[in-house]
C-alpha atoms as a PDB file:
ATOM      1  CA  UNK A   1     110.217  71.822 117.073  1.00  0.00           C
ATOM      2  CA  UNK A   2     110.860  75.476 117.957  1.00  0.00           C
ATOM      3  CA  UNK A   3     108.584  78.337 116.959  1.00  0.00           C
ATOM      4  CA  UNK A   4     108.421  82.051 117.683  1.00  0.00           C
ATOM      5  CA  UNK A   5     104.937  83.054 118.778  1.00  0.00           C
ATOM      6  CA  UNK A   6     103.508  86.513 119.469  1.00  0.00           C
ATOM      7  CA  UNK A   7     101.437  85.865 122.583  1.00  0.00           C
ATOM      8  CA  UNK A   8     100.237  89.437 123.087  1.00  0.00           C
ATOM      9  CA  UNK A   9     101.142  92.932 121.952  1.00  0.00           C
ATOM     10  CA  UNK A  10     104.855  93.512 122.551  1.00  0.00           C
ATOM     11  CA  UNK A  11     105.653  89.971 123.666  1.00  0.00           C
ATOM     12  CA  UNK A  12     107.189  87.087 121.698  1.00  0.00           C
ATOM     13  CA  UNK A  13     107.982  83.698 123.203  1.00  0.00           C
ATOM     14  CA  UNK A  14     110.024  80.799 121.845  1.00  0.00           C
ATOM     15  CA  UNK A  15     107.952  77.673 122.308  1.00  0.00           C
ATOM     16  CA  UNK A  16     107.845  74.005 121.339  1.00  0.00           C
ATOM     17  CA  UNK A  17     105.106  72.875 118.956  1.00  0.00           C
ATOM     18  CA  UNK A  18     104.519  69.538 117.187  1.00  0.00           C
ATOM     19  CA  UNK A  19     106.291  68.949 113.904  1.00  0.00           C
ATOM     20  CA  UNK A  20     103.582  68.827 111.211  1.00  0.00           C
ATOM     21  CA  UNK A  21     102.528  65.592 109.553  1.00  0.00           C
ATOM     22  CA  UNK A  22     102.704  65.520 105.761  1.00  0.00           C
ATOM     23  CA  UNK A  23      99.483  64.963 103.802  1.00  0.00           C
ATOM     24  CA  UNK A  24      99.367  63.110 100.490  1.00  0.00           C
ATOM     25  CA  UNK A  25      99.582  66.313  98.414  1.00  0.00           C
ATOM     26  CA  UNK A  26     101.754  68.296 100.807  1.00  0.00           C
ATOM     27  CA  UNK A  27     105.409  69.160 101.150  1.00  0.00           C
ATOM     28  CA  UNK A  28     107.327  69.466 104.407  1.00  0.00           C
ATOM     29  CA  UNK A  29     109.726  72.407 104.229  1.00  0.00           C
ATOM     30  CA  UNK A  30     112.691  72.928 106.503  1.00  0.00           C
ATOM     31  CA  UNK A  31     112.897  76.671 107.066  1.00  0.00           C
ATOM     32  CA  UNK A  32     116.202  78.376 106.253  1.00  0.00           C
ATOM     33  CA  UNK A  33     115.260  82.052 106.441  1.00  0.00           C
ATOM     34  CA  UNK A  34     112.200  84.217 106.986  1.00  0.00           C
ATOM     35  CA  UNK A  35     111.680  87.858 106.105  1.00  0.00           C
ATOM     36  CA  UNK A  36     109.629  89.897 108.550  1.00  0.00           C
ATOM     37  CA  UNK A  37     106.765  91.845 106.984  1.00  0.00           C
ATOM     38  CA  UNK A  38     105.116  95.073 108.072  1.00  0.00           C
ATOM     39  CA  UNK A  39     102.063  93.009 109.016  1.00  0.00           C
ATOM     40  CA  UNK A  40     104.251  91.129 111.529  1.00  0.00           C
ATOM     41  CA  UNK A  41     105.291  94.427 113.102  1.00  0.00           C
ATOM     42  CA  UNK A  42     101.666  95.564 113.215  1.00  0.00           C
ATOM     43  CA  UNK A  43     100.748  92.316 114.964  1.00  0.00           C
ATOM     44  CA  UNK A  44     103.595  92.807 117.437  1.00  0.00           C
ATOM     45  CA  UNK A  45     102.280  96.310 118.151  1.00  0.00           C
ATOM     46  CA  UNK A  46      98.754  95.008 118.747  1.00  0.00           C
ATOM     47  CA  UNK A  47      97.351  96.976 115.818  1.00  0.00           C
ATOM     48  CA  UNK A  48      96.481  94.239 113.336  1.00  0.00           C
ATOM     49  CA  UNK A  49      92.676  93.782 113.295  1.00  0.00           C
ATOM     50  CA  UNK A  50      92.951  90.520 111.338  1.00  0.00           C
ATOM     51  CA  UNK A  51      95.050  88.736 113.987  1.00  0.00           C
ATOM     52  CA  UNK A  52      94.006  86.754 117.047  1.00  0.00           C
ATOM     53  CA  UNK A  53      96.620  85.911 119.695  1.00  0.00           C
ATOM     54  CA  UNK A  54      98.662  83.877 120.081  1.00  0.00           C
ATOM     55  CA  UNK A  55      99.971  83.955 116.505  1.00  0.00           C
ATOM     56  CA  UNK A  56     103.098  82.555 114.854  1.00  0.00           C
ATOM     57  CA  UNK A  57     104.135  85.296 112.389  1.00  0.00           C
ATOM     58  CA  UNK A  58     105.878  85.123 109.042  1.00  0.00           C
ATOM     59  CA  UNK A  59     105.120  84.491 105.373  1.00  0.00           C
ATOM     60  CA  UNK A  60     108.264  85.514 103.452  1.00  0.00           C
ATOM     61  CA  UNK A  61     109.739  82.054 103.156  1.00  0.00           C
ATOM     62  CA  UNK A  62     113.051  80.494 102.169  1.00  0.00           C
ATOM     63  CA  UNK A  63     113.467  76.805 102.801  1.00  0.00           C
ATOM     64  CA  UNK A  64     114.241  73.377 101.366  1.00  0.00           C
ATOM     65  CA  UNK A  65     112.070  70.333 100.856  1.00  0.00           C
ATOM     66  CA  UNK A  66     112.490  67.810 103.659  1.00  0.00           C
ATOM     67  CA  UNK A  67     109.669  65.361 102.865  1.00  0.00           C
ATOM     68  CA  UNK A  68     106.899  64.925 100.296  1.00  0.00           C
ATOM     69  CA  UNK A  69     103.477  63.287 100.317  1.00  0.00           C
ATOM     70  CA  UNK A  70     102.641  60.237  98.233  1.00  0.00           C
ATOM     71  CA  UNK A  71     100.799  62.229  95.532  1.00  0.00           C
ATOM     72  CA  UNK A  72     103.381  64.977  95.133  1.00  0.00           C
ATOM     73  CA  UNK A  73     105.036  65.090  91.660  1.00  0.00           C
ATOM     74  CA  UNK A  74     108.516  63.579  91.559  1.00  0.00           C
ATOM     75  CA  UNK A  75     110.210  66.836  90.530  1.00  0.00           C
ATOM     76  CA  UNK A  76     109.671  68.152  94.078  1.00  0.00           C
ATOM     77  CA  UNK A  77     112.855  66.495  95.281  1.00  0.00           C
ATOM     78  CA  UNK A  78     114.315  66.340  98.774  1.00  0.00           C
ATOM     79  CA  UNK A  79     116.762  69.194  99.350  1.00  0.00           C
ATOM     80  CA  UNK A  80     115.273  71.447  96.644  1.00  0.00           C
ATOM     81  CA  UNK A  81     115.419  75.157  97.562  1.00  0.00           C
ATOM     82  CA  UNK A  82     111.934  76.655  97.509  1.00  0.00           C
ATOM     83  CA  UNK A  83     109.687  79.521  98.465  1.00  0.00           C
ATOM     84  CA  UNK A  84     105.951  79.483  99.152  1.00  0.00           C
ATOM     85  CA  UNK A  85     102.861  81.480  98.246  1.00  0.00           C
ATOM     86  CA  UNK A  86     101.384  82.143 101.711  1.00  0.00           C
ATOM     87  CA  UNK A  87      97.791  82.857 100.622  1.00  0.00           C
ATOM     88  CA  UNK A  88      94.678  80.696 100.407  1.00  0.00           C
ATOM     89  CA  UNK A  89      91.787  80.820  97.982  1.00  0.00           C
ATOM     90  CA  UNK A  90      88.329  79.416  98.683  1.00  0.00           C
ATOM     91  CA  UNK A  91      87.558  78.669  95.028  1.00  0.00           C
ATOM     92  CA  UNK A  92      83.909  79.728  95.490  1.00  0.00           C
ATOM     93  CA  UNK A  93      83.734  83.502  95.959  1.00  0.00           C
ATOM     94  CA  UNK A  94      83.309  85.862  92.973  1.00  0.00           C
ATOM     95  CA  UNK A  95      87.018  86.748  92.860  1.00  0.00           C
ATOM     96  CA  UNK A  96      88.023  83.075  92.744  1.00  0.00           C
ATOM     97  CA  UNK A  97      85.364  82.219  90.149  1.00  0.00           C
ATOM     98  CA  UNK A  98      86.795  84.791  87.727  1.00  0.00           C
ATOM     99  CA  UNK A  99      90.418  83.800  88.379  1.00  0.00           C
ATOM    100  CA  UNK A 100      91.370  86.681  90.689  1.00  0.00           C
ATOM    101  CA  UNK A 101      92.345  84.307  93.495  1.00  0.00           C
ATOM    102  CA  UNK A 102      94.856  86.794  94.947  1.00  0.00           C
ATOM    103  CA  UNK A 103      91.926  88.819  96.318  1.00  0.00           C
ATOM    104  CA  UNK A 104      89.807  85.893  97.518  1.00  0.00           C
ATOM    105  CA  UNK A 105      87.106  87.183  99.846  1.00  0.00           C
ATOM    106  CA  UNK A 106      88.076  84.546 102.404  1.00  0.00           C
ATOM    107  CA  UNK A 107      91.870  84.580 101.974  1.00  0.00           C
ATOM    108  CA  UNK A 108      93.946  83.533 104.965  1.00  0.00           C
ATOM    109  CA  UNK A 109      97.555  84.656 104.806  1.00  0.00           C
ATOM    110  CA  UNK A 110     100.171  82.780 106.806  1.00  0.00           C
ATOM    111  CA  UNK A 111     101.179  84.731 109.890  1.00  0.00           C
ATOM    112  CA  UNK A 112      98.008  86.821 109.808  1.00  0.00           C
ATOM    113  CA  UNK A 113      94.700  84.942 109.825  1.00  0.00           C
ATOM    114  CA  UNK A 114      96.540  81.641 110.458  1.00  0.00           C
ATOM    115  CA  UNK A 115      99.892  80.645 111.913  1.00  0.00           C
ATOM    116  CA  UNK A 116     102.963  81.447 109.855  1.00  0.00           C
ATOM    117  CA  UNK A 117     106.477  80.261 109.196  1.00  0.00           C
ATOM    118  CA  UNK A 118     108.529  81.471 112.177  1.00  0.00           C
ATOM    119  CA  UNK A 119     109.251  77.864 113.014  1.00  0.00           C
ATOM    120  CA  UNK A 120     111.641  75.091 112.049  1.00  0.00           C
ATOM    121  CA  UNK A 121     109.297  73.288 109.652  1.00  0.00           C
ATOM    122  CA  UNK A 122     106.120  74.126 107.764  1.00  0.00           C
ATOM    123  CA  UNK A 123     103.797  71.915 105.772  1.00  0.00           C
ATOM    124  CA  UNK A 124     102.025  73.304 102.686  1.00  0.00           C
ATOM    125  CA  UNK A 125     100.260  72.027  99.540  1.00  0.00           C
ATOM    126  CA  UNK A 126     102.779  71.387  96.779  1.00  0.00           C
ATOM    127  CA  UNK A 127     100.755  73.693  94.495  1.00  0.00           C
ATOM    128  CA  UNK A 128     101.918  76.592  96.680  1.00  0.00           C
ATOM    129  CA  UNK A 129     105.626  75.709  96.411  1.00  0.00           C
ATOM    130  CA  UNK A 130     108.006  77.356  93.909  1.00  0.00           C
ATOM    131  CA  UNK A 131     111.461  76.097  93.005  1.00  0.00           C
ATOM    132  CA  UNK A 132     114.348  78.502  93.666  1.00  0.00           C
ATOM    133  CA  UNK A 133     117.499  76.398  93.301  1.00  0.00           C
ATOM    134  CA  UNK A 134     120.670  78.405  92.862  1.00  0.00           C
ATOM    135  CA  UNK A 135     119.460  81.399  94.878  1.00  0.00           C
ATOM    136  CA  UNK A 136     120.675  82.539  98.291  1.00  0.00           C
ATOM    137  CA  UNK A 137     118.296  82.290 101.238  1.00  0.00           C
ATOM    138  CA  UNK A 138     118.157  86.095 101.267  1.00  0.00           C
ATOM    139  CA  UNK A 139     117.024  86.186  97.645  1.00  0.00           C
ATOM    140  CA  UNK A 140     114.439  83.470  98.160  1.00  0.00           C
ATOM    141  CA  UNK A 141     112.942  85.237 101.193  1.00  0.00           C
ATOM    142  CA  UNK A 142     112.482  88.380  99.070  1.00  0.00           C
ATOM    143  CA  UNK A 143     110.365  86.656  96.407  1.00  0.00           C
ATOM    144  CA  UNK A 144     107.013  87.071  98.194  1.00  0.00           C
ATOM    145  CA  UNK A 145     107.256  90.808  99.011  1.00  0.00           C
ATOM    146  CA  UNK A 146     108.663  91.552  95.554  1.00  0.00           C
ATOM    147  CA  UNK A 147     105.762  89.588  94.047  1.00  0.00           C
ATOM    148  CA  UNK A 148     103.373  92.026  95.732  1.00  0.00           C
ATOM    149  CA  UNK A 149     105.185  94.912  94.026  1.00  0.00           C
ATOM    150  CA  UNK A 150     105.222  93.000  90.725  1.00  0.00           C
ATOM    151  CA  UNK A 151     101.449  92.494  90.954  1.00  0.00           C
ATOM    152  CA  UNK A 152     100.909  96.243  91.451  1.00  0.00           C
ATOM    153  CA  UNK A 153     102.989  96.974  88.350  1.00  0.00           C
ATOM    154  CA  UNK A 154     100.899  94.484  86.393  1.00  0.00           C
ATOM    155  CA  UNK A 155      97.713  96.100  87.706  1.00  0.00           C
ATOM    156  CA  UNK A 156      99.067  99.396  86.379  1.00  0.00           C
ATOM    157  CA  UNK A 157      99.795  97.783  82.987  1.00  0.00           C
ATOM    158  CA  UNK A 158     103.263  99.325  83.058  1.00  0.00           C
ATOM    159  CA  UNK A 159     104.953  99.236  79.661  1.00  0.00           C
ATOM    160  CA  UNK A 160     108.396  99.864  78.238  1.00  0.00           C
ATOM    161  CA  UNK A 161     109.449 103.555  78.145  1.00  0.00           C
ATOM    162  CA  UNK A 162     106.573 104.717  80.363  1.00  0.00           C
ATOM    163  CA  UNK A 163     107.218 106.975  83.340  1.00  0.00           C
ATOM    164  CA  UNK A 164     106.205 105.422  86.652  1.00  0.00           C
ATOM    165  CA  UNK A 165     106.212 107.225  89.992  1.00  0.00           C
ATOM    166  CA  UNK A 166     106.291 105.083  93.131  1.00  0.00           C
ATOM    167  CA  UNK A 167     105.418 106.588  96.500  1.00  0.00           C
ATOM    168  CA  UNK A 168     107.357 104.747  99.201  1.00  0.00           C
ATOM    169  CA  UNK A 169     110.671 102.919  99.161  1.00  0.00           C
ATOM    170  CA  UNK A 170     109.850 100.348 101.785  1.00  0.00           C
ATOM    171  CA  UNK A 171     110.065  96.724 100.697  1.00  0.00           C
ATOM    172  CA  UNK A 172     106.779  96.665  98.773  1.00  0.00           C
ATOM    173  CA  UNK A 173     107.555  99.957  97.058  1.00  0.00           C
ATOM    174  CA  UNK A 174     111.029  98.673  96.224  1.00  0.00           C
ATOM    175  CA  UNK A 175     109.450  95.589  94.692  1.00  0.00           C
ATOM    176  CA  UNK A 176     107.297  97.803  92.485  1.00  0.00           C
ATOM    177  CA  UNK A 177     110.328  99.924  91.550  1.00  0.00           C
ATOM    178  CA  UNK A 178     112.350  96.837  90.609  1.00  0.00           C
ATOM    179  CA  UNK A 179     109.494  95.347  88.580  1.00  0.00           C
ATOM    180  CA  UNK A 180     108.738  98.580  86.705  1.00  0.00           C
ATOM    181  CA  UNK A 181     112.405  99.145  85.889  1.00  0.00           C
ATOM    182  CA  UNK A 182     112.799  95.516  84.804  1.00  0.00           C
ATOM    183  CA  UNK A 183     109.889  96.028  82.396  1.00  0.00           C
ATOM    184  CA  UNK A 184     111.709  98.992  80.859  1.00  0.00           C
ATOM    185  CA  UNK A 185     109.914 101.875  82.549  1.00  0.00           C
ATOM    186  CA  UNK A 186     111.579 105.077  83.717  1.00  0.00           C
ATOM    187  CA  UNK A 187     110.992 105.054  87.471  1.00  0.00           C
ATOM    188  CA  UNK A 188     110.659 108.019  89.813  1.00  0.00           C
ATOM    189  CA  UNK A 189     110.968 107.000  93.493  1.00  0.00           C
ATOM    190  CA  UNK A 190     109.551 109.291  96.181  1.00  0.00           C
ATOM    191  CA  UNK A 191     110.265 108.939  99.895  1.00  0.00           C
ATOM    192  CA  UNK A 192     111.295 111.050 102.891  1.00  0.00           C
ATOM    193  CA  UNK A 193     114.374 108.990 103.794  1.00  0.00           C
ATOM    194  CA  UNK A 194     117.593 109.301 101.801  1.00  0.00           C
ATOM    195  CA  UNK A 195     118.802 105.829 102.806  1.00  0.00           C
ATOM    196  CA  UNK A 196     115.650 104.259 101.354  1.00  0.00           C
ATOM    197  CA  UNK A 197     115.978 106.300  98.184  1.00  0.00           C
ATOM    198  CA  UNK A 198     119.508 104.946  97.756  1.00  0.00           C
ATOM    199  CA  UNK A 199     118.039 101.448  97.759  1.00  0.00           C
ATOM    200  CA  UNK A 200     115.440 102.569  95.233  1.00  0.00           C
ATOM    201  CA  UNK A 201     118.223 103.774  92.953  1.00  0.00           C
ATOM    202  CA  UNK A 202     120.085 100.480  93.362  1.00  0.00           C
ATOM    203  CA  UNK A 203     116.948  98.622  92.280  1.00  0.00           C
ATOM    204  CA  UNK A 204     116.437 100.630  89.119  1.00  0.00           C
ATOM    205  CA  UNK A 205     114.917 104.020  89.928  1.00  0.00           C
ATOM    206  CA  UNK A 206     116.227 106.618  87.465  1.00  0.00           C
ATOM    207  CA  UNK A 207     115.102 109.567  89.591  1.00  0.00           C
ATOM    208  CA  UNK A 208     114.732 109.877  93.355  1.00  0.00           C
ATOM    209  CA  UNK A 209     112.871 112.634  95.188  1.00  0.00           C
ATOM    210  CA  UNK A 210     113.041 113.335  98.914  1.00  0.00           C
ATOM    211  CA  UNK A 211     109.735 115.133  99.309  1.00  0.00           C
ATOM    212  CA  UNK A 212     110.868 116.617 102.629  1.00  0.00           C
ATOM    213  CA  UNK A 213     113.726 118.398 100.875  1.00  0.00           C
ATOM    214  CA  UNK A 214     112.422 119.086  97.366  1.00  0.00           C
ATOM    215  CA  UNK A 215     109.229 120.527  95.943  1.00  0.00           C
ATOM    216  CA  UNK A 216     107.501 117.365  94.787  1.00  0.00           C
ATOM    217  CA  UNK A 217     105.132 118.940  92.264  1.00  0.00           C
ATOM    218  CA  UNK A 218     107.793 121.084  90.594  1.00  0.00           C
ATOM    219  CA  UNK A 219     110.326 118.254  90.414  1.00  0.00           C
ATOM    220  CA  UNK A 220     107.838 115.776  88.915  1.00  0.00           C
ATOM    221  CA  UNK A 221     106.665 118.387  86.420  1.00  0.00           C
ATOM    222  CA  UNK A 222     110.267 118.939  85.329  1.00  0.00           C
ATOM    223  CA  UNK A 223     111.079 115.223  85.026  1.00  0.00           C
ATOM    224  CA  UNK A 224     107.918 114.480  83.031  1.00  0.00           C
ATOM    225  CA  UNK A 225     108.084 117.639  80.863  1.00  0.00           C
ATOM    226  CA  UNK A 226     104.783 118.802  82.329  1.00  0.00           C
ATOM    227  CA  UNK A 227     102.831 115.653  81.436  1.00  0.00           C
ATOM    228  CA  UNK A 228     102.889 113.815  84.773  1.00  0.00           C
ATOM    229  CA  UNK A 229     103.788 110.132  85.109  1.00  0.00           C
ATOM    230  CA  UNK A 230     101.862 107.535  83.127  1.00  0.00           C
ATOM    231  CA  UNK A 231     101.438 105.427  86.249  1.00  0.00           C
ATOM    232  CA  UNK A 232     101.531 106.335  89.944  1.00  0.00           C
ATOM    233  CA  UNK A 233     101.863 103.504  92.480  1.00  0.00           C
ATOM    234  CA  UNK A 234     101.100 104.307  96.115  1.00  0.00           C
ATOM    235  CA  UNK A 235     102.955 102.034  98.565  1.00  0.00           C
ATOM    236  CA  UNK A 236     102.855 104.204 101.693  1.00  0.00           C
ATOM    237  CA  UNK A 237      99.272 104.238 102.948  1.00  0.00           C
ATOM    238  CA  UNK A 238      99.082 107.913 103.921  1.00  0.00           C
ATOM    239  CA  UNK A 239      96.196 110.274 103.204  1.00  0.00           C
ATOM    240  CA  UNK A 240      98.479 112.821 101.544  1.00  0.00           C
ATOM    241  CA  UNK A 241     100.086 110.343  99.160  1.00  0.00           C
ATOM    242  CA  UNK A 242      96.692 108.849  98.301  1.00  0.00           C
ATOM    243  CA  UNK A 243      95.394 112.183  97.065  1.00  0.00           C
ATOM    244  CA  UNK A 244      98.733 113.296  95.629  1.00  0.00           C
ATOM    245  CA  UNK A 245      98.795 110.209  93.401  1.00  0.00           C
ATOM    246  CA  UNK A 246      95.679 111.497  91.639  1.00  0.00           C
ATOM    247  CA  UNK A 247      97.074 115.032  91.472  1.00  0.00           C
ATOM    248  CA  UNK A 248     100.323 113.944  89.817  1.00  0.00           C
ATOM    249  CA  UNK A 249      99.116 111.257  87.406  1.00  0.00           C
ATOM    250  CA  UNK A 250      99.034 112.245  83.749  1.00  0.00           C
ATOM    251  CA  UNK A 251      95.859 112.744  81.767  1.00  0.00           C
ATOM    252  CA  UNK A 252      94.714 109.248  80.686  1.00  0.00           C
ATOM    253  CA  UNK A 253      97.031 107.894  83.396  1.00  0.00           C
ATOM    254  CA  UNK A 254      96.725 105.057  85.886  1.00  0.00           C
ATOM    255  CA  UNK A 255      96.854 105.040  89.685  1.00  0.00           C
ATOM    256  CA  UNK A 256      97.478 101.859  91.696  1.00  0.00           C
ATOM    257  CA  UNK A 257      97.065 101.637  95.462  1.00  0.00           C
ATOM    258  CA  UNK A 258      98.953  98.959  97.393  1.00  0.00           C
ATOM    259  CA  UNK A 259      98.935 100.781 100.717  1.00  0.00           C
ATOM    260  CA  UNK A 260      95.746 101.733 102.484  1.00  0.00           C
ATOM    261  CA  UNK A 261      95.180 104.844 104.553  1.00  0.00           C
ATOM    262  CA  UNK A 262      94.036 104.385 108.131  1.00  0.00           C
ATOM    263  CA  UNK A 263      91.635 107.338 107.920  1.00  0.00           C
ATOM    264  CA  UNK A 264      89.247 108.551 105.195  1.00  0.00           C
ATOM    265  CA  UNK A 265      90.861 110.390 102.283  1.00  0.00           C
ATOM    266  CA  UNK A 266      89.547 113.580 100.668  1.00  0.00           C
ATOM    267  CA  UNK A 267      89.864 113.945  96.876  1.00  0.00           C
ATOM    268  CA  UNK A 268      89.363 116.560  94.213  1.00  0.00           C
ATOM    269  CA  UNK A 269      87.110 114.147  92.351  1.00  0.00           C
ATOM    270  CA  UNK A 270      86.879 116.214  89.162  1.00  0.00           C
ATOM    271  CA  UNK A 271      90.388 114.909  88.347  1.00  0.00           C
ATOM    272  CA  UNK A 272      89.022 111.369  88.166  1.00  0.00           C
ATOM    273  CA  UNK A 273      86.827 112.450  85.256  1.00  0.00           C
ATOM    274  CA  UNK A 274      88.827 115.222  83.625  1.00  0.00           C
ATOM    275  CA  UNK A 275      91.939 113.033  83.448  1.00  0.00           C
ATOM    276  CA  UNK A 276      89.885 109.884  82.783  1.00  0.00           C
ATOM    277  CA  UNK A 277      92.057 108.015  85.241  1.00  0.00           C
ATOM    278  CA  UNK A 278      92.141 104.273  85.761  1.00  0.00           C
ATOM    279  CA  UNK A 279      92.252 103.807  89.548  1.00  0.00           C
ATOM    280  CA  UNK A 280      92.990 100.321  90.850  1.00  0.00           C
ATOM    281  CA  UNK A 281      93.679  98.537  94.094  1.00  0.00           C
ATOM    282  CA  UNK A 282      96.374  95.875  94.360  1.00  0.00           C
ATOM    283  CA  UNK A 283      96.407  92.979  96.807  1.00  0.00           C
ATOM    284  CA  UNK A 284      98.828  90.097  97.300  1.00  0.00           C
ATOM    285  CA  UNK A 285     100.089  88.314  94.169  1.00  0.00           C
ATOM    286  CA  UNK A 286      99.180  85.539  91.744  1.00  0.00           C
ATOM    287  CA  UNK A 287     101.147  82.290  91.525  1.00  0.00           C
ATOM    288  CA  UNK A 288     102.515  83.120  88.074  1.00  0.00           C
ATOM    289  CA  UNK A 289     103.847  86.394  89.510  1.00  0.00           C
ATOM    290  CA  UNK A 290     105.979  84.455  92.000  1.00  0.00           C
ATOM    291  CA  UNK A 291     107.465  82.669  89.003  1.00  0.00           C
ATOM    292  CA  UNK A 292     108.012  85.985  87.199  1.00  0.00           C
ATOM    293  CA  UNK A 293     109.886  87.444  90.178  1.00  0.00           C
ATOM    294  CA  UNK A 294     112.044  84.325  90.429  1.00  0.00           C
ATOM    295  CA  UNK A 295     112.951  84.795  86.751  1.00  0.00           C
ATOM    296  CA  UNK A 296     113.658  88.498  87.387  1.00  0.00           C
ATOM    297  CA  UNK A 297     116.067  87.632  90.196  1.00  0.00           C
ATOM    298  CA  UNK A 298     117.642  84.895  88.065  1.00  0.00           C
ATOM    299  CA  UNK A 299     118.366  87.480  85.359  1.00  0.00           C
ATOM    300  CA  UNK A 300     120.934  89.126  87.635  1.00  0.00           C
ATOM    301  CA  UNK A 301     119.536  92.555  86.781  1.00  0.00           C
ATOM    302  CA  UNK A 302     117.952  93.111  90.199  1.00  0.00           C
ATOM    303  CA  UNK A 303     120.045  92.894  93.365  1.00  0.00           C
ATOM    304  CA  UNK A 304     117.397  92.090  95.969  1.00  0.00           C
ATOM    305  CA  UNK A 305     120.046  91.406  98.634  1.00  0.00           C
ATOM    306  CA  UNK A 306     120.370  95.176  99.016  1.00  0.00           C
ATOM    307  CA  UNK A 307     117.127  95.367 100.983  1.00  0.00           C
ATOM    308  CA  UNK A 308     118.322  93.165 103.898  1.00  0.00           C
ATOM    309  CA  UNK A 309     119.314  95.551 106.684  1.00  0.00           C
ATOM    310  CA  UNK A 310     119.320  93.351 109.810  1.00  0.00           C
ATOM    311  CA  UNK A 311     119.649  89.654 110.631  1.00  0.00           C
ATOM    312  CA  UNK A 312     118.510  87.771 113.733  1.00  0.00           C
ATOM    313  CA  UNK A 313     118.257  84.115 114.749  1.00  0.00           C
ATOM    314  CA  UNK A 314     114.835  82.532 115.330  1.00  0.00           C
ATOM    315  CA  UNK A 315     115.503  82.582 119.084  1.00  0.00           C
ATOM    316  CA  UNK A 316     115.995  86.360 118.822  1.00  0.00           C
ATOM    317  CA  UNK A 317     112.587  87.042 117.241  1.00  0.00           C
ATOM    318  CA  UNK A 318     111.475  89.142 120.206  1.00  0.00           C
ATOM    319  CA  UNK A 319     114.651  91.231 119.910  1.00  0.00           C
ATOM    320  CA  UNK A 320     114.086  91.593 116.169  1.00  0.00           C
ATOM    321  CA  UNK A 321     110.550  92.915 116.484  1.00  0.00           C
ATOM    322  CA  UNK A 322     111.449  95.090 119.458  1.00  0.00           C
ATOM    323  CA  UNK A 323     114.313  96.618 117.465  1.00  0.00           C
ATOM    324  CA  UNK A 324     112.037  97.283 114.490  1.00  0.00           C
ATOM    325  CA  UNK A 325     109.394  98.831 116.724  1.00  0.00           C
ATOM    326  CA  UNK A 326     111.913 101.298 118.174  1.00  0.00           C
ATOM    327  CA  UNK A 327     114.053 101.910 115.050  1.00  0.00           C
ATOM    328  CA  UNK A 328     111.697 101.902 112.081  1.00  0.00           C
ATOM    329  CA  UNK A 329     113.814 104.383 110.112  1.00  0.00           C
ATOM    330  CA  UNK A 330     116.787 101.982 110.195  1.00  0.00           C
ATOM    331  CA  UNK A 331     114.888  98.960 108.904  1.00  0.00           C
ATOM    332  CA  UNK A 332     114.141  97.981 105.346  1.00  0.00           C
ATOM    333  CA  UNK A 333     114.024  94.205 105.781  1.00  0.00           C
ATOM    334  CA  UNK A 334     114.806  92.053 108.815  1.00  0.00           C
ATOM    335  CA  UNK A 335     115.792  88.486 108.051  1.00  0.00           C
ATOM    336  CA  UNK A 336     115.282  85.695 110.572  1.00  0.00           C
ATOM    337  CA  UNK A 337     117.707  82.831 110.004  1.00  0.00           C
ATOM    338  CA  UNK A 338     117.341  79.238 111.160  1.00  0.00           C
END
């Protein structure tokens, strides 16, 4: 079967690999579509420290069941449209022992620490498979990245009528915006690109701020009547937005970091104490959050199709990543179709 494999920085080849054999508790999935993640671009650029080459990228999965193992429950039927949680959990580390399997110390994400889904078929444990019948391939491929945003919103304990500011309107930020709005929050989206802010508005943001064109502090103060947002979610990974999240959060507010800055960040630490902030990290997503996002999409209240900006065939994977590398401002989500 065909697969797209990143063999070194800046080089993708289409190769033939063996079709996987199905274990007793596994499901063989015929791939229909695959969303490319920022981690795939980082791998293509040679900047992902968690990746060894060669590596098959991809973990935002839309497919259908092609075969099941002998111990797989009968409701996993042939032809069923599905998505997949691409993470592993060791079951032994402290995070796993207390049920926080999304941040397993030894997690291996498909396409990062192990080969991913840029191929015609994948084989996974049925416990990692989620039914998505009735959805388009585009919608199904968006479940995983939107689950990451959903998890961040849950980490922030976002509630109805609260004001939530989200830094970044890339795919993960958009997932957080959609989840917060779906939960009834009043969302403020901040980015430096008007086209991304338009997508934020389409996914439920009530206010949008281009921080290159507007005074961020003054605008947020006006929107929040001087209180600051109840929750600030950082989905950019820049030093300035890391510290600004603490500056803008309300007293007794919450700050959630999905992104991570590449260099050390300086803080005015007295704000941690004087505001009595809850500051949390957010990583990956739990299985039940995949199910929650599927229900959110099924509600019809969130149009996830709006984030797809480019489409390529599997055989064009090199072109897709090359395009993204050279035109980052034009890309929200690239979809690989099979």
